[in-house]
Amino acid sequence: MQLVTIDDIRTAAERIRPHVVRTPLLPALWGDPDRPLWVKPESLQAIGAFKVRGAFNALAALRAADPAVSDVVAYSSGNHAQAVAYAAATFGLQAHIVMPEETPSIKVEATRRHGARVVLCGAGQRERVADEVARDTGAVMIPPFDHPDVIAGQGTVGLEIAEDLPDVRNVLVPVSGGGLCSGVGVAIRALCPQARVFGVEPDLAADTTEGLRVAHRVDWPIEDRNRTIADGLRSQPSDLTFAHLQQVVDDMITVTEDEIRAAVAEFALRGRLVSEASGAVALAAYRRGVTPAGPTVVVLSGGNIEPVTLKDIFASHVNGY
């Protein structure tokens, strides 16, 4: 299996430079003194999440290889959907996006605003329905994580961390399908060999944690994974991303639902940053205090949260800030 390299990530950085935000690495003065905290706020991307990086890299590579391509299809619980829709509109392509019916409406409507055709499906059916759409339309599939160009695009997050904080000691990254953590891990391994990479999952969707422990992918029923508030972390790694994670992740940390909610509130009330539940798990893991001393980066992977969810979190976690 051919794994993504640092050269692939550097190529991706050049491809996507005109289209994505080079997000700042923000010092969080409210972090712990022995583990100085930095936040990589991918919520500041145009579509509110890191996924835009992989989408633009994959579509740019596709167009270079096949200038005649006209349609693309993707399946996603939300942020990859918006990213592919946005990138497709930029390149003048028609996007067909398959989304689970339980996807937050804020993400569905945002995807439609970019001109995409949205196809809703039942839980656990998105890959099958996306294959049907691809056959019916002739569209090219842009998977959310199971593609080297997508992984390389997401890896530019790690490239920027290494450039901005070369003495980083800990990097905490949310894990779902594993594309972000795979790409970030490749970049950090190559450029900051002294650093440790920690993947983070909700306790209720900790299939990768179990899989890395037993050295093979494991399958958790979608009904179990759907219990977590972190709707963007309900996917499972592919063979490709799991192979990367085995190479680049030092350890996994799992967090509770209440810890995730508390981290959303902490980002907003201390960091002045909006985070969706999936985007806050790295901060939740940081608050566990289990990582070694030294400069620590948490990746805030996305900020597309339903207003009513944010209101409920504030109501229950505002004390102490």
Protein backbone atom coordinates (compact mmCIF):
# COMPACT_ATOMS: atom_id res chain seq x y z
CA MET A 1 0.00 0.00 0.00
CA GLN A 2 1.45 3.37 -1.07
CA LEU A 3 1.42 5.82 1.83
CA VAL A 4 1.41 9.60 1.52
CA THR A 5 4.81 11.29 1.91
CA ILE A 6 5.94 14.73 3.02
CA ASP A 7 6.64 15.52 -0.65
CA ASP A 8 3.00 14.74 -1.47
CA ILE A 9 1.93 17.16 1.26
CA ARG A 10 4.25 19.88 -0.01
CA THR A 11 2.81 19.43 -3.51
CA ALA A 12 -0.68 19.69 -2.05
CA ALA A 13 0.26 22.92 -0.25
CA GLU A 14 1.21 24.52 -3.57
CA ARG A 15 -1.98 23.30 -5.28
CA ILE A 16 -4.34 24.61 -2.64
CA ARG A 17 -2.54 27.85 -1.75
CA PRO A 18 -4.86 30.10 -3.85
CA HIS A 19 -8.01 28.55 -2.40
CA VAL A 20 -7.62 27.96 1.35
CA VAL A 21 -6.77 29.99 4.43
CA ARG A 22 -3.36 29.46 5.99
CA THR A 23 -4.84 29.42 9.47
CA PRO A 24 -2.79 30.99 12.27
CA LEU A 25 -1.37 29.05 15.17
CA LEU A 26 -2.90 30.87 18.12
CA PRO A 27 -1.21 30.95 21.54
CA ALA A 28 -3.80 30.11 24.22
CA LEU A 29 -2.62 31.92 27.33
CA TRP A 30 -5.24 30.01 29.34
CA GLY A 31 -3.39 26.72 28.85
CA ASP A 32 -1.39 24.87 31.51
CA PRO A 33 2.06 26.38 32.30
CA ASP A 34 3.94 23.10 31.84
CA ARG A 35 2.15 22.36 28.55
CA PRO A 36 1.90 25.71 26.70
CA LEU A 37 -1.20 25.49 24.53
CA TRP A 38 -1.58 26.49 20.89
CA VAL A 39 -4.74 26.22 18.81
CA LYS A 40 -4.86 25.52 15.07
CA PRO A 41 -8.33 26.97 14.23
CA GLU A 42 -9.48 25.28 11.03
CA SER A 43 -12.92 26.69 11.84
CA LEU A 44 -11.64 29.85 10.10
CA GLN A 45 -11.69 28.19 6.67
CA ALA A 46 -14.31 29.49 4.24
CA ILE A 47 -16.54 26.46 4.83
CA GLY A 48 -15.75 26.32 8.54
CA ALA A 49 -13.58 23.18 8.58
CA PHE A 50 -10.27 21.61 7.51
CA LYS A 51 -11.99 19.47 4.87
CA VAL A 52 -11.59 22.21 2.29
CA ARG A 53 -7.89 21.37 2.06
CA GLY A 54 -8.36 17.78 0.93
CA ALA A 55 -11.24 18.69 -1.37
CA PHE A 56 -9.28 21.34 -3.24
CA ASN A 57 -6.21 19.13 -3.55
CA ALA A 58 -8.23 16.18 -4.86
CA LEU A 59 -10.22 18.27 -7.35
CA ALA A 60 -7.17 20.18 -8.56
CA ALA A 61 -5.33 16.90 -9.16
CA LEU A 62 -8.40 15.44 -10.88
CA ARG A 63 -8.77 18.39 -13.23
CA ALA A 64 -5.08 18.25 -14.12
CA ALA A 65 -5.41 14.56 -14.98
CA ASP A 66 -8.79 14.85 -16.76
CA PRO A 67 -9.72 18.38 -17.93
CA ALA A 68 -12.99 17.03 -19.38
CA VAL A 69 -14.43 16.01 -15.99
CA SER A 70 -17.75 17.77 -15.31
CA ASP A 71 -19.36 16.09 -12.28
CA VAL A 72 -18.12 14.88 -8.91
CA VAL A 73 -19.89 12.98 -6.14
CA ALA A 74 -19.10 12.80 -2.45
CA TYR A 75 -20.63 11.31 0.68
CA SER A 76 -20.31 13.08 4.00
CA SER A 77 -21.97 13.88 7.30
CA GLY A 78 -21.37 17.54 6.62
CA ASN A 79 -17.97 19.20 6.40
CA HIS A 80 -16.57 17.17 3.48
CA ALA A 81 -19.88 17.79 1.75
CA GLN A 82 -19.50 21.53 2.05
CA ALA A 83 -15.84 21.36 1.07
CA VAL A 84 -16.46 19.40 -2.15
CA ALA A 85 -19.44 21.59 -3.02
CA TYR A 86 -17.36 24.75 -2.52
CA ALA A 87 -14.34 23.43 -4.42
CA ALA A 88 -16.51 22.11 -7.25
CA ALA A 89 -18.20 25.50 -7.62
CA THR A 90 -14.79 27.17 -7.74
CA PHE A 91 -13.70 24.87 -10.57
CA GLY A 92 -17.04 25.04 -12.41
CA LEU A 93 -18.02 21.44 -11.67
CA GLN A 94 -21.40 20.00 -10.65
CA ALA A 95 -21.30 18.37 -7.22
CA HIS A 96 -23.68 15.60 -6.09
CA ILE A 97 -23.48 15.18 -2.31
CA VAL A 98 -24.92 12.22 -0.38
CA MET A 99 -25.60 13.04 3.29
CA PRO A 100 -27.16 10.99 6.12
CA GLU A 101 -30.62 12.11 7.17
CA GLU A 102 -29.35 12.82 10.71
CA THR A 103 -26.83 15.42 9.45
CA PRO A 104 -27.34 18.78 11.22
CA SER A 105 -29.47 21.04 9.03
CA ILE A 106 -26.89 23.83 9.20
CA LYS A 107 -24.49 21.61 7.24
CA VAL A 108 -27.10 20.46 4.72
CA GLU A 109 -28.21 24.00 3.91
CA ALA A 110 -24.63 25.25 3.69
CA THR A 111 -23.88 22.53 1.15
CA ARG A 112 -26.88 23.48 -0.96
CA ARG A 113 -25.85 27.15 -0.91
CA HIS A 114 -22.71 26.20 -2.80
CA GLY A 115 -24.86 24.89 -5.66
CA ALA A 116 -24.58 21.20 -4.90
CA ARG A 117 -27.34 18.67 -5.41
CA VAL A 118 -27.94 17.05 -2.01
CA VAL A 119 -29.19 13.46 -1.74
CA LEU A 120 -30.25 12.41 1.77
CA CYS A 121 -29.99 8.76 2.82
CA GLY A 122 -30.48 6.49 5.82
CA ALA A 123 -27.84 5.82 8.47
CA GLY A 124 -25.00 3.68 7.20
CA GLN A 125 -26.16 3.92 3.56
CA ARG A 126 -24.15 6.86 2.26
CA GLU A 127 -21.40 4.93 0.46
CA ARG A 128 -23.91 2.68 -1.34
CA VAL A 129 -26.10 5.61 -2.37
CA ALA A 130 -23.07 7.60 -3.53
CA ASP A 131 -22.01 4.67 -5.74
CA GLU A 132 -25.50 4.67 -7.28
CA VAL A 133 -25.31 8.42 -7.94
CA ALA A 134 -21.88 7.99 -9.54
CA ARG A 135 -23.22 5.27 -11.87
CA ASP A 136 -26.29 7.33 -12.79
CA THR A 137 -24.44 10.58 -13.47
CA GLY A 138 -20.96 9.51 -14.52
CA ALA A 139 -19.56 11.64 -11.70
CA VAL A 140 -16.09 11.01 -10.25
CA MET A 141 -16.07 9.95 -6.59
CA ILE A 142 -14.23 12.22 -4.11
CA PRO A 143 -14.20 10.21 -0.86
CA PRO A 144 -13.99 12.00 2.49
CA PHE A 145 -10.73 10.36 3.59
CA ASP A 146 -9.95 7.19 1.63
CA HIS A 147 -7.80 8.84 -1.06
CA PRO A 148 -4.11 9.84 -1.14
CA ASP A 149 -4.86 13.32 -2.51
CA VAL A 150 -7.39 13.97 0.25
CA ILE A 151 -4.95 12.79 2.93
CA ALA A 152 -2.15 14.92 1.46
CA GLY A 153 -4.42 17.97 1.42
CA GLN A 154 -5.34 17.48 5.07
CA GLY A 155 -1.67 17.00 5.84
CA THR A 156 -1.03 20.65 5.04
CA VAL A 157 -2.43 21.38 8.52
CA GLY A 158 0.58 19.53 9.95
CA LEU A 159 2.96 21.23 7.52
CA GLU A 160 1.84 24.64 8.79
CA ILE A 161 2.10 23.55 12.44
CA ALA A 162 5.68 22.41 11.85
CA GLU A 163 6.57 25.67 10.12
CA ASP A 164 5.02 27.86 12.82
CA LEU A 165 6.09 25.88 15.92
CA PRO A 166 9.10 23.71 15.07
CA ASP A 167 9.73 22.84 18.73
CA VAL A 168 6.22 21.42 19.24
CA ARG A 169 6.16 18.40 21.56
CA ASN A 170 2.53 17.23 21.36
CA VAL A 171 -0.04 17.44 18.55
CA LEU A 172 -3.62 16.38 19.34
CA VAL A 173 -5.85 15.60 16.35
CA PRO A 174 -9.48 14.45 16.09
CA VAL A 175 -9.96 11.04 14.45
CA SER A 176 -12.96 9.83 12.47
CA GLY A 177 -12.17 8.35 9.06
CA GLY A 178 -8.57 9.20 9.83
CA GLY A 179 -7.64 11.42 6.88
CA LEU A 180 -6.75 14.47 8.97
CA CYS A 181 -4.73 12.59 11.58
CA SER A 182 -2.99 10.55 8.86
CA GLY A 183 -1.88 13.63 6.94
CA VAL A 184 -0.95 15.67 10.00
CA GLY A 185 0.95 12.71 11.40
CA VAL A 186 2.99 12.26 8.21
CA ALA A 187 3.99 15.94 8.25
CA ILE A 188 4.85 16.03 11.96
CA ARG A 189 6.83 12.78 11.77
CA ALA A 190 8.91 14.17 8.90
CA LEU A 191 9.49 17.70 10.18
CA CYS A 192 9.23 17.49 13.99
CA PRO A 193 10.53 14.04 14.93
CA GLN A 194 10.69 15.02 18.61
CA ALA A 195 6.90 15.52 18.72
CA ARG A 196 4.27 12.97 19.71
CA VAL A 197 1.03 12.67 17.75
CA PHE A 198 -2.14 11.82 19.67
CA GLY A 199 -5.38 10.85 17.97
CA VAL A 200 -8.56 11.72 19.84
CA GLU A 201 -11.98 10.04 19.69
CA PRO A 202 -15.21 10.14 21.69
CA ASP A 203 -15.65 7.21 24.07
CA LEU A 204 -18.85 6.41 22.15
CA ALA A 205 -17.05 6.12 18.79
CA ALA A 206 -13.66 4.76 19.78
CA ASP A 207 -13.25 2.16 17.04
CA THR A 208 -9.81 3.45 16.00
CA THR A 209 -8.56 3.30 19.59
CA GLU A 210 -9.61 -0.33 19.78
CA GLY A 211 -8.29 -1.09 16.31
CA LEU A 212 -4.82 0.29 17.00
CA ARG A 213 -4.71 -1.63 20.27
CA VAL A 214 -5.45 -4.96 18.56
CA ALA A 215 -3.46 -4.06 15.40
CA HIS A 216 -6.34 -4.38 12.92
CA ARG A 217 -9.42 -2.43 11.96
CA VAL A 218 -12.54 -3.15 13.99
CA ASP A 219 -16.15 -2.44 13.12
CA TRP A 220 -18.49 -0.63 15.49
CA PRO A 221 -22.19 -0.60 14.54
CA ILE A 222 -23.36 2.74 13.18
CA GLU A 223 -26.06 2.78 15.86
CA ASP A 224 -23.32 2.83 18.52
CA ARG A 225 -21.23 5.50 16.79
CA ASN A 226 -24.27 7.72 16.26
CA ARG A 227 -24.67 8.13 20.02
CA THR A 228 -21.91 10.75 20.24
CA ILE A 229 -22.66 14.46 19.96
CA ALA A 230 -19.54 14.67 17.77
CA ASP A 231 -21.40 13.96 14.52
CA GLY A 232 -18.27 14.48 12.40
CA LEU A 233 -16.44 11.67 14.21
CA ARG A 234 -18.84 8.84 13.48
CA SER A 235 -16.93 7.36 10.53
CA GLN A 236 -14.36 4.57 10.69
CA PRO A 237 -10.90 4.39 9.09
CA SER A 238 -10.35 2.74 5.72
CA ASP A 239 -7.52 0.31 5.05
CA LEU A 240 -5.52 3.25 3.67
CA THR A 241 -5.99 5.61 6.59
CA PHE A 242 -5.59 2.86 9.17
CA ALA A 243 -2.23 1.95 7.65
CA HIS A 244 -1.16 5.59 8.02
CA LEU A 245 -2.42 5.81 11.59
CA GLN A 246 -0.45 2.71 12.56
CA GLN A 247 2.70 4.48 11.34
CA VAL A 248 2.21 8.00 12.69
CA VAL A 249 0.07 7.92 15.86
CA ASP A 250 1.90 7.53 19.17
CA ASP A 251 -1.23 7.02 21.24
CA MET A 252 -4.99 7.52 21.29
CA ILE A 253 -7.03 9.44 23.87
CA THR A 254 -10.79 9.05 24.28
CA VAL A 255 -13.07 11.65 25.84
CA THR A 256 -16.56 11.65 27.32
CA GLU A 257 -19.58 13.49 26.00
CA ASP A 258 -19.49 15.92 28.92
CA GLU A 259 -15.79 16.61 28.33
CA ILE A 260 -16.56 17.39 24.68
CA ARG A 261 -19.32 19.83 25.65
CA ALA A 262 -17.05 21.50 28.20
CA ALA A 263 -14.37 21.94 25.54
CA VAL A 264 -16.85 23.60 23.15
CA ALA A 265 -17.67 26.06 25.92
CA GLU A 266 -13.98 26.60 26.76
CA PHE A 267 -13.11 27.41 23.15
CA ALA A 268 -15.92 29.96 22.98
CA LEU A 269 -15.58 31.59 26.38
CA ARG A 270 -11.80 31.53 26.81
CA GLY A 271 -10.52 31.33 23.25
CA ARG A 272 -13.29 33.35 21.54
CA LEU A 273 -13.50 30.55 18.98
CA VAL A 274 -16.59 28.69 17.78
CA SER A 275 -16.13 24.93 17.65
CA GLU A 276 -18.47 22.11 16.74
CA ALA A 277 -18.40 19.11 19.04
CA SER A 278 -16.12 17.16 16.69
CA GLY A 279 -13.71 20.08 16.56
CA ALA A 280 -13.41 20.30 20.35
CA VAL A 281 -12.28 16.77 21.18
CA ALA A 282 -8.57 17.62 20.99
CA LEU A 283 -9.01 20.33 23.63
CA ALA A 284 -11.03 17.89 25.74
CA ALA A 285 -8.11 15.45 25.53
CA TYR A 286 -5.64 18.20 26.45
CA ARG A 287 -7.68 18.87 29.59
CA ARG A 288 -7.20 15.22 30.59
CA GLY A 289 -3.59 16.16 31.39
CA VAL A 290 -2.15 12.89 30.13
CA THR A 291 0.22 14.27 27.47
CA PRO A 292 3.88 15.03 28.23
CA ALA A 293 5.16 18.49 29.13
CA GLY A 294 6.10 20.89 26.38
CA PRO A 295 4.49 23.04 23.67
CA THR A 296 1.20 21.43 22.67
CA VAL A 297 -1.04 22.04 19.65
CA VAL A 298 -4.71 21.10 19.52
CA VAL A 299 -6.39 21.04 16.13
CA LEU A 300 -9.81 22.71 16.18
CA SER A 301 -11.03 20.89 13.11
CA GLY A 302 -14.35 22.65 12.48
CA GLY A 303 -16.84 25.20 13.72
CA ASN A 304 -20.14 24.23 12.07
CA ILE A 305 -22.34 23.82 15.12
CA GLU A 306 -26.11 24.11 15.33
CA PRO A 307 -27.03 27.31 17.23
CA VAL A 308 -29.45 25.42 19.46
CA THR A 309 -26.69 22.95 20.39
CA LEU A 310 -24.30 25.78 21.23
CA LYS A 311 -27.01 27.43 23.34
CA ASP A 312 -27.62 24.20 25.27
CA ILE A 313 -23.89 23.75 25.90
CA PHE A 314 -23.55 27.29 27.19
CA ALA A 315 -26.53 26.80 29.50
CA SER A 316 -24.92 23.81 31.19
CA HIS A 317 -21.21 24.75 31.08
CA VAL A 318 -21.00 28.52 31.44
CA ASN A 319 -20.10 28.41 35.17
CA GLY A 320 -16.39 28.79 35.84
CA TYR A 321 -15.52 30.91 32.80
